[in-house]
Amino acid sequence: MSHRLSSLFLLSLFVVLLSCQSADQETTESDATTFDSSLLDKYTTVKLTTDLSVLSENEKKIIPILIEVGKIIDEMYWYQSYPARDSLMETLTDDAAKTFLTINYGPWDKLDGDKPFIPGVGDRPAGANYYPKDMTKEEFEAADLADKKSLYTFLRRDENGQLITVPYHKHFEKEVAQIAALLEEAAALAENAELKTYLSLRAKAFLTDEYYESDIAWMDMKTNRIDVITGPIESYEDQLFGYKAAYETYVLVKDMDWSERLEKYAAFLPELQKGLPVDAAYKKEEPGTDSQLAAFDVIYYAGDCNAGGKTIAVNLPNDENVQLEKGTRRSQLKNAMRAKFDKILVPIADVLIDESQRDYITFDAFFANTMFHEVAHGLGIKNTLDGSGTVREALKENASGLEEGKADILGIYMVTELHRRGELDGDLKDYYTTFMAGIFRSVRFGASSAHGIANMIRFSFFKEMGAFDRDPETGTYKVNYDRMEEAIHALSAKILMLQGDGDYDGVAKLVQEMAVIKPELQSDLDRLGAQGIPVDIVFEQGM
């Protein structure tokens, strides 16, 4: 993106690395020998910038208000992820350990299967802090609590030790009141009527945990130049059931030109849904026709989206009713995406992709593959064929990983179909080769990440179908383009059927058998680390 330097405002995003600690504490021998400071090499620091000259004075005033919302959200997410942060910080004297604790929002390495990196903390609870640590799945299932599966309740015990539910807005009563006041303050400054309505409705939603109306208002926003995604949104953090939503915030500046160019692709959704390579029963749902594609520069991350691996595109809202009524908005975070392409994907390709195919690694293909991943979340099926409920409820803790796998594979299916129709420029080999390199990038996120699980399954499936070859002498991979397309269709059908059938056992088996990094692949991934190629990025952020 071009910038007019005379009017360029830089919002630098500073990672909060340390809690309030005594500056003159000395590092103990124990700290020095128990924390491996090389873990920080998994990340490279990126300063995100955007051109604020396109904004009005009032819009510029709104941004710091939204960042304040993000700071409160950050604390709320800490409670969900690891409420003992402050007490653990007090025991640490190694600044590197504190930094890594903050990056991961807890003492478990999100890019290494949630392996503990602080001695004595134990394994990460599968249910994070959403449930009592001593609660079993059987106890949860037996509990007669109407809202126990709600995205917006904690499970706690009463004075008699019985399970009860506590709504988020009750537990965070002080915090949601502060957030609501800030959003109303931003709404008062908003000159765009759509943004004003959304901010006011989102403020009310925080106070009640009823987000449907504000989600609809968010989908109705199309002319706004700034945006904020905030609230309890994704359920990846809940690895016990996948029921509970984690708080997060993105503060965004919209690229109006890019967004206008992308809009045309949403119109293809109904037609592409009909063409999915699966029986009619698994594609009978009609995707919303008001789906949107938009491009943004992100200027602040907080909470779940800032933990471990950073999000570069989002597909929201997650509410199945909103999706069926309105569709979703696929927001591409261009500046963060570009940083990952330049600093991570290209160096990976230089090591692991056959030299004859490296010229097919392009940012345009990376952007398109990422974009259509988000679009593809709207394809397929949201409710099981037997009418028992949503796919998310049926597949429980495996729902997120399979959904990400669906979005990946249907995204490249969409690329293939649109390219065949002349709607996408460039060589199809660009998209396929960049997609293959993207598997190596994302599989490094590990088994605790839904995206990591999805990529491990896809790598294993593609290997079985001969979609690529590995040269044993160079340790590089070469895409077999015809077989790649066959594998795309086969995996698309398999995932859609598992979702439509609500086949919990089938998905668990798929994860157990295919979401595994075999020694050969691990040795290749180790080469990336040995050459100093980071796994992900952290941001300098804040006003």
Protein backbone atom coordinates (compact mmCIF):
# COMPACT_ATOMS: atom_id res chain seq x y z
CA MET A 1 0.00 0.00 0.00
CA SER A 2 1.35 3.44 -0.86
CA HIS A 3 1.63 6.04 1.90
CA ARG A 4 1.72 9.82 1.69
CA LEU A 5 4.62 10.43 4.01
CA SER A 6 3.67 14.01 4.79
CA SER A 7 0.48 12.81 6.52
CA LEU A 8 1.51 9.37 7.74
CA PHE A 9 0.62 8.59 11.32
CA LEU A 10 2.20 5.49 12.80
CA LEU A 11 0.42 3.58 15.51
CA SER A 12 3.10 1.43 17.08
CA LEU A 13 1.86 -1.64 18.84
CA PHE A 14 3.89 -2.30 22.05
CA VAL A 15 3.71 -5.79 23.56
CA VAL A 16 3.23 -5.50 27.32
CA LEU A 17 6.08 -7.67 28.46
CA LEU A 18 6.29 -7.26 32.19
CA SER A 19 3.89 -6.83 35.09
CA CYS A 20 4.77 -4.43 37.89
CA GLN A 21 8.02 -5.87 39.18
CA SER A 22 10.94 -4.55 41.14
CA ALA A 23 13.49 -3.42 38.58
CA ASP A 24 16.46 -4.38 40.71
CA GLN A 25 15.52 -8.02 41.30
CA GLU A 26 18.38 -10.32 40.36
CA THR A 27 17.98 -13.36 38.13
CA THR A 28 18.37 -16.45 40.26
CA GLU A 29 20.40 -19.47 39.24
CA SER A 30 17.15 -21.47 39.26
CA ASP A 31 15.50 -19.16 36.71
CA ALA A 32 18.57 -19.18 34.50
CA THR A 33 18.72 -22.95 34.37
CA THR A 34 14.99 -23.73 34.15
CA PHE A 35 13.80 -21.38 31.41
CA ASP A 36 15.15 -21.80 27.90
CA SER A 37 15.43 -18.25 26.57
CA SER A 38 15.83 -19.57 23.03
CA LEU A 39 12.06 -20.18 23.05
CA LEU A 40 11.72 -16.48 22.28
CA ASP A 41 13.37 -17.16 18.91
CA LYS A 42 10.06 -18.65 17.76
CA TYR A 43 8.79 -15.10 17.37
CA THR A 44 9.92 -12.07 15.44
CA THR A 45 8.75 -8.57 16.32
CA VAL A 46 6.67 -6.60 13.85
CA LYS A 47 5.64 -2.97 14.03
CA LEU A 48 2.24 -2.56 12.42
CA THR A 49 1.58 0.74 10.65
CA THR A 50 -1.30 2.30 8.80
CA ASP A 51 -2.04 5.58 7.05
CA LEU A 52 -4.46 7.58 9.19
CA SER A 53 -4.62 10.48 6.76
CA VAL A 54 -7.73 8.88 5.26
CA LEU A 55 -9.59 9.33 8.57
CA SER A 56 -11.50 12.31 9.91
CA GLU A 57 -10.47 13.99 13.16
CA ASN A 58 -13.31 12.28 15.03
CA GLU A 59 -12.32 8.89 13.64
CA LYS A 60 -8.78 9.46 14.87
CA LYS A 61 -10.19 10.23 18.33
CA ILE A 62 -12.17 6.99 18.35
CA ILE A 63 -9.09 4.79 17.89
CA PRO A 64 -7.51 5.35 21.35
CA ILE A 65 -10.93 4.72 22.92
CA LEU A 66 -11.15 1.38 21.17
CA ILE A 67 -7.61 0.54 22.27
CA GLU A 68 -8.71 1.17 25.87
CA VAL A 69 -11.47 -1.38 25.29
CA GLY A 70 -8.79 -3.80 24.12
CA LYS A 71 -6.74 -3.31 27.28
CA ILE A 72 -9.72 -4.26 29.45
CA ILE A 73 -10.45 -7.23 27.19
CA ASP A 74 -6.85 -8.34 27.62
CA GLU A 75 -7.31 -8.64 31.39
CA MET A 76 -10.58 -10.54 30.96
CA TYR A 77 -8.88 -13.02 28.65
CA TRP A 78 -6.06 -13.50 31.14
CA TYR A 79 -8.69 -14.62 33.67
CA GLN A 80 -10.11 -17.12 31.20
CA SER A 81 -6.70 -18.42 30.17
CA TYR A 82 -4.58 -18.24 33.33
CA PRO A 83 -5.91 -16.35 36.36
CA ALA A 84 -2.74 -16.93 38.42
CA ARG A 85 -0.66 -14.59 36.25
CA ASP A 86 0.23 -12.06 38.95
CA SER A 87 1.23 -14.62 41.58
CA LEU A 88 3.40 -16.48 39.06
CA MET A 89 4.99 -13.27 37.84
CA GLU A 90 6.04 -12.48 41.41
CA THR A 91 8.05 -15.71 41.56
CA LEU A 92 9.93 -15.03 38.32
CA THR A 93 13.11 -13.00 38.12
CA ASP A 94 14.03 -13.93 34.55
CA ASP A 95 12.78 -11.25 32.16
CA ALA A 96 12.82 -13.69 29.24
CA ALA A 97 10.50 -16.04 31.15
CA LYS A 98 8.14 -13.14 31.90
CA THR A 99 8.13 -12.12 28.25
CA PHE A 100 7.32 -15.63 27.07
CA LEU A 101 4.63 -15.96 29.75
CA THR A 102 2.99 -12.80 28.41
CA ILE A 103 3.19 -13.88 24.77
CA ASN A 104 1.41 -17.14 25.67
CA TYR A 105 -0.99 -15.65 28.24
CA GLY A 106 0.08 -18.42 30.59
CA PRO A 107 2.95 -20.81 31.34
CA TRP A 108 2.19 -23.18 28.44
CA ASP A 109 3.79 -22.87 25.01
CA LYS A 110 0.96 -22.45 22.51
CA LEU A 111 3.28 -23.27 19.61
CA ASP A 112 4.44 -26.53 21.19
CA GLY A 113 1.27 -28.39 22.12
CA ASP A 114 0.82 -26.34 25.31
CA LYS A 115 3.97 -27.80 26.84
CA PRO A 116 4.70 -26.11 30.20
CA PHE A 117 7.82 -23.92 30.12
CA ILE A 118 7.80 -22.98 33.81
CA PRO A 119 8.70 -25.86 36.15
CA GLY A 120 6.00 -26.99 38.55
CA VAL A 121 2.94 -25.48 36.87
CA GLY A 122 1.69 -28.83 35.60
CA ASP A 123 -0.24 -29.52 32.44
CA ARG A 124 -2.65 -26.99 30.98
CA PRO A 125 -6.25 -27.72 32.01
CA ALA A 126 -8.15 -28.71 28.86
CA GLY A 127 -11.00 -26.46 29.91
CA ALA A 128 -8.70 -23.54 30.77
CA ASN A 129 -10.49 -21.53 33.49
CA TYR A 130 -14.00 -22.06 32.14
CA TYR A 131 -14.70 -25.07 34.35
CA PRO A 132 -13.65 -26.29 37.82
CA LYS A 133 -10.35 -28.15 37.45
CA ASP A 134 -11.79 -31.21 39.21
CA MET A 135 -14.88 -31.39 36.98
CA THR A 136 -15.18 -34.47 34.77
CA LYS A 137 -16.91 -34.60 31.42
CA GLU A 138 -19.41 -37.06 32.91
CA GLU A 139 -20.28 -34.64 35.71
CA PHE A 140 -20.82 -31.86 33.20
CA GLU A 141 -23.05 -34.00 31.00
CA ALA A 142 -25.14 -35.08 33.99
CA ALA A 143 -25.62 -31.55 35.34
CA ASP A 144 -29.15 -30.21 34.86
CA LEU A 145 -28.19 -26.66 33.92
CA ALA A 146 -30.00 -25.04 31.01
CA ASP A 147 -27.15 -22.73 29.99
CA LYS A 148 -24.18 -25.00 30.69
CA LYS A 149 -23.32 -25.17 26.97
CA SER A 150 -23.69 -21.44 26.47
CA LEU A 151 -20.74 -19.66 24.92
CA TYR A 152 -21.02 -17.06 27.65
CA THR A 153 -21.09 -18.90 31.00
CA PHE A 154 -18.46 -20.17 33.41
CA LEU A 155 -19.04 -23.42 35.28
CA ARG A 156 -18.36 -23.04 39.01
CA ARG A 157 -19.23 -24.81 42.26
CA ASP A 158 -21.64 -23.54 44.91
CA GLU A 159 -21.11 -23.83 48.68
CA ASN A 160 -22.27 -27.45 48.51
CA GLY A 161 -19.86 -28.36 45.74
CA GLN A 162 -22.57 -28.57 43.09
CA LEU A 163 -22.01 -27.22 39.58
CA ILE A 164 -23.58 -23.88 38.79
CA THR A 165 -23.28 -21.47 35.86
CA VAL A 166 -22.10 -17.87 36.11
CA PRO A 167 -22.80 -15.62 33.10
CA TYR A 168 -19.80 -13.72 31.79
CA HIS A 169 -21.54 -10.38 32.24
CA LYS A 170 -22.15 -11.18 35.92
CA HIS A 171 -18.62 -12.29 36.64
CA PHE A 172 -17.12 -9.34 34.74
CA GLU A 173 -19.74 -6.84 35.91
CA LYS A 174 -17.25 -4.03 36.51
CA GLU A 175 -15.29 -4.63 33.32
CA VAL A 176 -18.29 -4.84 30.98
CA ALA A 177 -19.66 -1.62 32.45
CA GLN A 178 -16.36 0.10 31.64
CA ILE A 179 -16.34 -1.33 28.12
CA ALA A 180 -19.94 -0.31 27.50
CA ALA A 181 -19.18 3.25 28.59
CA LEU A 182 -16.16 3.41 26.27
CA LEU A 183 -18.12 2.06 23.30
CA GLU A 184 -20.87 4.61 23.92
CA GLU A 185 -18.21 7.32 24.05
CA ALA A 186 -16.88 6.12 20.70
CA ALA A 187 -20.42 5.96 19.30
CA ALA A 188 -20.97 9.61 20.26
CA LEU A 189 -17.93 10.58 18.16
CA ALA A 190 -18.84 8.37 15.20
CA GLU A 191 -19.95 10.28 12.11
CA ASN A 192 -20.76 7.12 10.17
CA ALA A 193 -24.34 6.12 11.03
CA GLU A 194 -23.65 2.39 10.59
CA LEU A 195 -20.66 2.51 12.93
CA LYS A 196 -22.59 4.58 15.49
CA THR A 197 -25.40 2.01 15.58
CA TYR A 198 -23.04 -0.92 15.89
CA LEU A 199 -20.99 0.60 18.70
CA SER A 200 -24.12 1.38 20.75
CA LEU A 201 -25.58 -2.08 20.25
CA ARG A 202 -22.26 -3.73 21.06
CA ALA A 203 -22.11 -1.73 24.28
CA LYS A 204 -25.49 -3.14 25.32
CA ALA A 205 -24.44 -6.65 24.28
CA PHE A 206 -21.52 -6.66 26.72
CA LEU A 207 -23.95 -5.94 29.56
CA THR A 208 -26.26 -8.85 28.70
CA ASP A 209 -24.20 -11.44 26.77
CA GLU A 210 -26.80 -11.15 24.01
CA TYR A 211 -24.80 -10.44 20.87
CA TYR A 212 -27.20 -11.31 18.05
CA GLU A 213 -28.52 -7.78 17.44
CA SER A 214 -25.07 -6.21 17.44
CA ASP A 215 -23.78 -8.99 15.15
CA ILE A 216 -26.51 -8.12 12.67
CA ALA A 217 -25.60 -4.43 12.94
CA TRP A 218 -21.95 -5.30 12.36
CA MET A 219 -22.90 -7.19 9.20
CA ASP A 220 -24.89 -4.14 8.04
CA MET A 221 -21.78 -1.92 8.26
CA LYS A 222 -20.31 -1.40 4.80
CA THR A 223 -19.29 2.26 4.54
CA ASN A 224 -17.29 2.56 7.79
CA ARG A 225 -13.58 3.37 7.64
CA ILE A 226 -12.71 2.15 11.14
CA ASP A 227 -13.93 -0.99 12.82
CA VAL A 228 -13.60 -2.96 16.02
CA ILE A 229 -14.15 -6.65 16.54
CA THR A 230 -14.58 -7.18 20.26
CA GLY A 231 -16.27 -9.55 22.66
CA PRO A 232 -16.23 -13.23 23.59
CA ILE A 233 -15.84 -14.75 20.14
CA GLU A 234 -13.77 -17.87 19.39
CA SER A 235 -13.96 -21.14 21.34
CA TYR A 236 -10.47 -22.54 20.59
CA GLU A 237 -9.33 -21.96 24.18
CA ASP A 238 -11.88 -24.46 25.49
CA GLN A 239 -10.20 -27.74 24.58
CA LEU A 240 -12.50 -29.73 26.88
CA PHE A 241 -15.75 -29.18 24.96
CA GLY A 242 -15.21 -26.23 22.64
CA TYR A 243 -18.29 -24.56 24.11
CA LYS A 244 -16.88 -21.44 25.77
CA ALA A 245 -15.93 -18.23 23.98
CA ALA A 246 -12.73 -16.30 24.69
CA TYR A 247 -12.55 -12.51 24.84
CA GLU A 248 -10.58 -10.68 22.15
CA THR A 249 -10.34 -7.34 20.37
CA TYR A 250 -9.09 -6.14 16.99
CA VAL A 251 -8.96 -2.42 16.20
CA LEU A 252 -9.03 -1.97 12.42
CA VAL A 253 -8.68 0.63 9.68
CA LYS A 254 -10.43 -0.36 6.47
CA ASP A 255 -8.73 -0.29 3.09
CA MET A 256 -11.70 0.93 1.04
CA ASP A 257 -10.08 0.30 -2.37
CA TRP A 258 -9.03 -3.26 -1.65
CA SER A 259 -12.37 -4.03 -0.04
CA GLU A 260 -14.24 -2.82 -3.11
CA ARG A 261 -12.16 -5.11 -5.34
CA LEU A 262 -12.86 -8.12 -3.13
CA GLU A 263 -16.62 -7.65 -2.84
CA LYS A 264 -17.42 -9.46 -6.10
CA TYR A 265 -16.32 -12.86 -4.79
CA ALA A 266 -19.05 -13.10 -2.14
CA ALA A 267 -21.64 -13.32 -4.92
CA PHE A 268 -20.26 -16.72 -5.98
CA LEU A 269 -21.00 -18.42 -2.65
CA PRO A 270 -24.44 -19.94 -3.44
CA GLU A 271 -23.21 -21.31 -6.76
CA LEU A 272 -20.02 -22.72 -5.24
CA GLN A 273 -22.04 -24.31 -2.44
CA LYS A 274 -24.06 -26.23 -5.03
CA GLY A 275 -20.88 -27.46 -6.70
CA LEU A 276 -19.22 -28.87 -3.58
CA PRO A 277 -17.85 -32.40 -4.26
CA VAL A 278 -20.23 -34.17 -1.87
CA ASP A 279 -23.76 -35.62 -1.86
CA ALA A 280 -26.61 -33.13 -1.96
CA ALA A 281 -27.65 -33.75 1.66
CA TYR A 282 -24.37 -32.25 2.89
CA LYS A 283 -24.76 -28.99 0.97
CA LYS A 284 -28.48 -28.35 1.29
CA GLU A 285 -28.04 -25.25 3.45
CA GLU A 286 -28.05 -21.93 1.64
CA PRO A 287 -25.18 -19.60 2.62
CA GLY A 288 -26.23 -16.05 3.42
CA THR A 289 -26.26 -13.81 0.38
CA ASP A 290 -25.07 -10.74 2.28
CA SER A 291 -21.61 -12.14 2.91
CA GLN A 292 -18.80 -9.61 2.64
CA LEU A 293 -15.11 -9.50 1.91
CA ALA A 294 -13.08 -6.62 3.26
CA ALA A 295 -9.41 -5.71 3.74
CA PHE A 296 -8.06 -3.92 6.81
CA ASP A 297 -4.89 -2.81 8.49
CA VAL A 298 -5.01 -4.04 12.07
CA ILE A 299 -3.57 -1.62 14.63
CA TYR A 300 -4.29 -3.38 17.92
CA TYR A 301 -4.68 -6.98 19.05
CA ALA A 302 -5.89 -7.99 22.52
CA GLY A 303 -6.88 -11.19 24.23
CA ASP A 304 -7.34 -14.50 22.44
CA CYS A 305 -6.24 -13.28 18.99
CA ASN A 306 -2.98 -12.00 20.50
CA ALA A 307 -2.05 -15.26 22.26
CA GLY A 308 0.68 -17.34 20.64
CA GLY A 309 0.16 -17.49 16.87
CA LYS A 310 -1.45 -14.32 15.53
CA THR A 311 -4.56 -14.24 13.40
CA ILE A 312 -4.22 -12.70 9.92
CA ALA A 313 -7.83 -13.08 8.75
CA VAL A 314 -11.17 -13.58 10.48
CA ASN A 315 -14.55 -14.91 9.45
CA LEU A 316 -17.35 -13.66 11.71
CA PRO A 317 -19.90 -13.71 13.27
CA ASN A 318 -19.79 -17.29 14.53
CA ASP A 319 -23.51 -17.39 15.37
CA GLU A 320 -25.00 -19.97 13.00
CA ASN A 321 -28.30 -18.06 12.89
CA VAL A 322 -26.56 -14.86 11.78
CA GLN A 323 -24.59 -16.83 9.18
CA LEU A 324 -27.73 -18.33 7.68
CA GLU A 325 -29.55 -15.00 7.72
CA LYS A 326 -26.78 -12.59 6.74
CA GLY A 327 -23.71 -14.64 5.93
CA THR A 328 -20.40 -13.52 7.38
CA ARG A 329 -17.73 -10.90 6.87
CA ARG A 330 -14.29 -12.13 5.92
CA SER A 331 -11.80 -9.58 7.15
CA GLN A 332 -8.30 -9.77 5.69
CA LEU A 333 -5.65 -8.18 7.91
CA LYS A 334 -3.32 -7.03 5.17
CA ASN A 335 -0.41 -5.60 7.12
CA ALA A 336 -0.16 -8.59 9.47
CA MET A 337 -0.54 -10.94 6.51
CA ARG A 338 2.26 -9.23 4.62
CA ALA A 339 4.55 -9.49 7.65
CA LYS A 340 4.00 -13.25 7.90
CA PHE A 341 4.55 -13.72 4.17
CA ASP A 342 7.82 -11.79 4.09
CA LYS A 343 9.31 -12.94 7.39
CA ILE A 344 8.07 -16.53 7.54
CA LEU A 345 6.50 -18.03 4.40
CA VAL A 346 9.15 -16.98 1.87
CA PRO A 347 12.05 -18.19 4.05
CA ILE A 348 10.21 -21.52 4.60
CA ALA A 349 9.76 -21.96 0.84
CA ASP A 350 13.45 -21.29 0.27
CA VAL A 351 14.25 -24.26 2.52
CA LEU A 352 11.45 -26.78 1.91
CA ILE A 353 9.99 -26.16 -1.57
CA ASP A 354 11.73 -27.66 -4.60
CA GLU A 355 13.85 -25.03 -6.30
CA SER A 356 11.99 -25.49 -9.59
CA GLN A 357 8.71 -24.39 -7.94
CA ARG A 358 9.86 -21.52 -5.69
CA ASP A 359 8.92 -18.85 -8.22
CA TYR A 360 5.30 -19.91 -7.71
CA ILE A 361 5.36 -18.55 -4.13
CA THR A 362 3.58 -15.18 -4.37
CA PHE A 363 1.91 -12.77 -1.99
CA ASP A 364 -1.14 -12.51 -4.23
CA ALA A 365 -1.63 -16.27 -3.97
CA PHE A 366 -1.04 -16.19 -0.20
CA PHE A 367 -3.59 -13.39 0.17
CA ALA A 368 -6.14 -15.23 -1.99
CA ASN A 369 -5.65 -18.57 -0.21
CA THR A 370 -6.06 -16.88 3.16
CA MET A 371 -9.09 -14.91 1.97
CA PHE A 372 -10.89 -17.92 0.54
CA HIS A 373 -10.15 -19.88 3.70
CA GLU A 374 -12.31 -17.34 5.49
CA VAL A 375 -14.94 -17.35 2.74
CA ALA A 376 -15.11 -21.14 2.91
CA HIS A 377 -16.24 -21.05 6.53
CA GLY A 378 -19.61 -20.05 5.07
CA LEU A 379 -19.81 -23.14 2.86
CA GLY A 380 -20.84 -26.64 3.84
CA ILE A 381 -23.18 -27.43 6.67
CA LYS A 382 -23.84 -25.84 10.07
CA ASN A 383 -26.41 -28.29 11.46
CA THR A 384 -26.17 -32.09 11.55
CA LEU A 385 -28.32 -34.09 9.14
CA ASP A 386 -30.18 -35.89 11.92
CA GLY A 387 -31.55 -32.61 13.28
CA SER A 388 -29.92 -33.05 16.68
CA GLY A 389 -28.24 -29.64 16.70
CA THR A 390 -25.21 -27.80 15.38
CA VAL A 391 -22.02 -29.37 14.10
CA ARG A 392 -20.14 -27.47 16.81
CA GLU A 393 -22.21 -29.10 19.56
CA ALA A 394 -21.90 -32.58 18.03
CA LEU A 395 -18.13 -32.55 17.53
CA LYS A 396 -17.33 -30.79 20.83
CA GLU A 397 -13.60 -30.23 21.40
CA ASN A 398 -12.78 -31.43 17.87
CA ALA A 399 -15.20 -29.03 16.17
CA SER A 400 -12.75 -26.14 15.81
CA GLY A 401 -9.93 -28.21 14.33
CA LEU A 402 -12.20 -29.84 11.76
CA GLU A 403 -13.84 -26.53 10.89
CA GLU A 404 -10.44 -24.97 10.23
CA GLY A 405 -9.56 -27.99 8.10
CA LYS A 406 -12.80 -27.53 6.16
CA ALA A 407 -12.08 -23.86 5.57
CA ASP A 408 -8.56 -24.62 4.35
CA ILE A 409 -9.59 -27.31 1.90
CA LEU A 410 -12.77 -25.64 0.64
CA GLY A 411 -10.81 -22.39 0.30
CA ILE A 412 -8.39 -23.95 -2.18
CA TYR A 413 -11.37 -25.70 -3.84
CA MET A 414 -12.90 -22.24 -4.37
CA VAL A 415 -9.63 -20.93 -5.77
CA THR A 416 -9.58 -23.83 -8.23
CA GLU A 417 -13.16 -23.26 -9.38
CA LEU A 418 -12.88 -19.47 -9.68
CA HIS A 419 -9.59 -19.76 -11.56
CA ARG A 420 -11.23 -22.24 -13.96
CA ARG A 421 -13.98 -19.68 -14.61
CA GLY A 422 -11.49 -16.90 -15.29
CA GLU A 423 -12.35 -14.99 -12.11
CA LEU A 424 -8.84 -15.25 -10.62
CA ASP A 425 -5.66 -14.08 -12.34
CA GLY A 426 -2.31 -15.82 -12.27
CA ASP A 427 -1.15 -19.39 -12.67
CA LEU A 428 -3.05 -22.03 -10.67
CA LYS A 429 0.39 -23.39 -9.75
CA ASP A 430 0.97 -20.18 -7.76
CA TYR A 431 -2.00 -20.95 -5.53
CA TYR A 432 -1.22 -24.66 -5.11
CA THR A 433 2.49 -24.19 -4.39
CA THR A 434 1.87 -21.32 -1.98
CA PHE A 435 -0.82 -23.47 -0.34
CA MET A 436 1.70 -26.28 0.15
CA ALA A 437 4.25 -23.91 1.69
CA GLY A 438 1.46 -22.60 3.91
CA ILE A 439 1.00 -26.09 5.37
CA PHE A 440 4.58 -26.01 6.67
CA ARG A 441 3.98 -22.56 8.15
CA SER A 442 0.80 -23.52 9.97
CA VAL A 443 1.73 -27.03 11.07
CA ARG A 444 4.38 -25.40 13.26
CA PHE A 445 1.55 -23.97 15.40
CA GLY A 446 1.37 -27.37 17.09
CA ALA A 447 -1.25 -29.79 18.34
CA SER A 448 -2.88 -27.33 20.75
CA SER A 449 -3.90 -25.09 17.83
CA ALA A 450 -6.99 -25.79 15.74
CA HIS A 451 -5.06 -24.49 12.72
CA GLY A 452 -2.08 -26.71 13.54
CA ILE A 453 -4.31 -29.79 13.80
CA ALA A 454 -6.02 -28.95 10.51
CA ASN A 455 -2.71 -28.62 8.70
CA MET A 456 -1.27 -31.83 10.13
CA ILE A 457 -4.35 -33.74 8.94
CA ARG A 458 -4.09 -32.19 5.49
CA PHE A 459 -0.38 -32.93 5.18
CA SER A 460 -0.97 -36.59 6.08
CA PHE A 461 -3.94 -36.87 3.70
CA PHE A 462 -2.08 -35.22 0.83
CA LYS A 463 0.89 -37.52 1.40
CA GLU A 464 -1.33 -40.60 1.20
CA MET A 465 -2.84 -39.36 -2.07
CA GLY A 466 0.51 -38.46 -3.65
CA ALA A 467 -0.24 -34.74 -3.87
CA PHE A 468 3.47 -34.04 -3.34
CA ASP A 469 6.83 -35.80 -3.43
CA ARG A 470 9.76 -35.34 -1.09
CA ASP A 471 13.32 -35.48 -2.41
CA PRO A 472 15.26 -37.51 0.19
CA GLU A 473 18.57 -35.93 -0.80
CA THR A 474 17.54 -32.28 -0.54
CA GLY A 475 14.63 -32.65 1.88
CA THR A 476 12.50 -30.47 -0.40
CA TYR A 477 8.91 -30.96 -1.51
CA LYS A 478 7.46 -30.82 -5.02
CA VAL A 479 3.75 -30.45 -5.70
CA ASN A 480 2.05 -32.91 -8.06
CA TYR A 481 -0.56 -30.51 -9.40
CA ASP A 482 -3.04 -33.00 -10.89
CA ARG A 483 -3.01 -35.19 -7.80
CA MET A 484 -3.30 -32.11 -5.61
CA GLU A 485 -6.69 -31.33 -7.16
CA GLU A 486 -7.83 -34.92 -6.63
CA ALA A 487 -6.77 -34.76 -2.99
CA ILE A 488 -8.60 -31.45 -2.53
CA HIS A 489 -11.88 -32.98 -3.70
CA ALA A 490 -11.44 -36.16 -1.65
CA LEU A 491 -10.60 -34.37 1.61
CA SER A 492 -13.41 -31.85 1.05
CA ALA A 493 -15.94 -34.68 0.81
CA LYS A 494 -14.55 -36.49 3.84
CA ILE A 495 -14.68 -33.45 6.12
CA LEU A 496 -18.14 -32.34 4.98
CA MET A 497 -19.54 -35.81 5.64
CA LEU A 498 -17.98 -35.99 9.09
CA GLN A 499 -19.52 -32.63 9.94
CA GLY A 500 -22.94 -33.38 8.49
CA ASP A 501 -23.08 -36.74 10.27
CA GLY A 502 -21.97 -35.17 13.54
CA ASP A 503 -19.55 -38.09 13.70
CA TYR A 504 -17.66 -37.40 16.93
CA ASP A 505 -15.90 -40.78 16.96
CA GLY A 506 -14.96 -40.50 13.29
CA VAL A 507 -13.41 -37.09 13.79
CA ALA A 508 -11.56 -38.25 16.91
CA LYS A 509 -10.12 -41.13 14.88
CA LEU A 510 -9.08 -38.79 12.07
CA VAL A 511 -7.29 -36.52 14.56
CA GLN A 512 -5.62 -39.45 16.30
CA GLU A 513 -4.35 -41.01 13.08
CA MET A 514 -3.52 -38.01 10.93
CA ALA A 515 -2.90 -35.02 13.21
CA VAL A 516 0.54 -36.40 13.93
CA ILE A 517 3.93 -35.00 12.96
CA LYS A 518 6.02 -37.98 11.86
CA PRO A 519 9.82 -38.02 12.43
CA GLU A 520 10.62 -37.16 8.80
CA LEU A 521 8.44 -34.06 8.80
CA GLN A 522 9.69 -33.08 12.24
CA SER A 523 13.27 -33.21 11.03
CA ASP A 524 12.33 -30.88 8.17
CA LEU A 525 10.59 -28.49 10.55
CA ASP A 526 13.65 -28.59 12.82
CA ARG A 527 15.72 -27.36 9.89
CA LEU A 528 13.54 -24.26 9.76
CA GLY A 529 14.23 -23.52 13.40
CA ALA A 530 17.92 -24.19 12.97
CA GLN A 531 18.04 -21.56 10.24
CA GLY A 532 16.38 -19.01 12.51
CA ILE A 533 13.05 -18.88 10.70
CA PRO A 534 10.46 -17.73 13.25
CA VAL A 535 7.20 -19.57 13.80
CA ASP A 536 5.13 -16.45 14.33
CA ILE A 537 5.14 -12.76 15.15
CA VAL A 538 4.61 -10.46 18.11
CA PHE A 539 3.65 -6.84 17.84
CA GLU A 540 4.82 -3.51 19.10
CA GLN A 541 1.48 -1.94 19.93
CA GLY A 542 -0.20 0.81 21.91
CA MET A 543 -0.61 4.53 21.48
